[in-house]
C-alpha cells in the first residue's frame, strides 16, 4: 500500500531540511541567499515556513 504524501507536510519537511543542510554546510542565511539569487529575507521566510519552498526548490537544488 502506497503512503499518501500530504503537500503541506512535504513542504514543511523540505523547509526543515533546508535549515539542517545549510547548517551542515556552515552557510549563513546571507551566503545561501546570495548563491541562490534571493534575498536573505526571502530565505528566512522559507525557513520559517512563511513562504512556500517549492517556489524556490529548483534554485536551491542548483546551488546546494
Protein backbone atom coordinates (compact mmCIF):
# COMPACT_ATOMS: atom_id res chain seq x y z
CA UNK A 1 0.00 0.00 0.00
CA UNK A 2 1.49 3.36 -1.03
CA UNK A 3 1.85 6.02 1.60
CA UNK A 4 0.00 9.19 0.66
CA UNK A 5 2.05 12.36 0.96
CA UNK A 6 0.36 15.49 2.19
CA UNK A 7 1.64 18.53 0.26
CA UNK A 8 1.79 20.69 3.41
CA UNK A 9 3.79 18.05 5.29
CA UNK A 10 6.11 17.65 2.32
CA UNK A 11 6.84 21.36 2.00
CA UNK A 12 7.29 21.63 5.77
CA UNK A 13 9.88 18.84 5.73
CA UNK A 14 11.69 20.45 2.80
CA UNK A 15 11.96 23.73 4.69
CA UNK A 16 13.21 21.94 7.81
CA UNK A 17 15.76 20.00 5.78
CA UNK A 18 16.94 23.20 4.13
CA UNK A 19 17.82 24.63 7.55
CA UNK A 20 19.66 21.43 8.51
CA UNK A 21 21.56 21.27 5.23
CA UNK A 22 22.52 24.95 5.42
CA UNK A 23 23.82 24.39 8.95
CA UNK A 24 25.79 21.31 7.95
CA UNK A 25 27.38 23.26 5.11
CA UNK A 26 28.16 26.06 7.59
CA UNK A 27 26.46 28.63 5.41
CA UNK A 28 24.89 31.76 6.82
CA UNK A 29 21.47 32.74 5.50
CA UNK A 30 23.10 35.63 3.68
CA UNK A 31 25.57 33.33 1.92
CA UNK A 32 22.97 30.82 0.75
CA UNK A 33 20.56 33.54 -0.30
CA UNK A 34 23.26 35.20 -2.39
CA UNK A 35 24.17 31.89 -4.06
CA UNK A 36 20.51 31.19 -4.78
CA UNK A 37 19.84 34.69 -6.09
CA UNK A 38 17.21 35.57 -3.49
CA UNK A 39 17.15 37.96 -0.56
CA UNK A 40 18.03 36.89 2.96
CA UNK A 41 14.50 37.89 4.00
CA UNK A 42 13.04 35.51 1.42
CA UNK A 43 15.26 32.68 2.65
CA UNK A 44 14.28 33.44 6.24
CA UNK A 45 10.58 33.31 5.26
CA UNK A 46 11.14 29.95 3.54
CA UNK A 47 12.97 28.51 6.56
CA UNK A 48 10.21 29.78 8.86
CA UNK A 49 7.61 28.24 6.54
CA UNK A 50 6.02 31.59 5.80
CA UNK A 51 6.83 31.18 2.11
CA UNK A 52 6.48 28.02 0.01
CA UNK A 53 9.84 26.34 -0.51
CA UNK A 54 8.56 24.66 -3.68
CA UNK A 55 8.60 28.01 -5.47
CA UNK A 56 12.38 28.08 -4.99
CA UNK A 57 13.21 24.37 -4.91
CA UNK A 58 14.94 24.31 -8.31
CA UNK A 59 17.10 27.28 -7.34
CA UNK A 60 18.26 25.56 -4.15
CA UNK A 61 18.87 22.27 -5.93
CA UNK A 62 21.21 24.07 -8.31
CA UNK A 63 23.29 25.80 -5.65
CA UNK A 64 23.48 23.44 -2.67
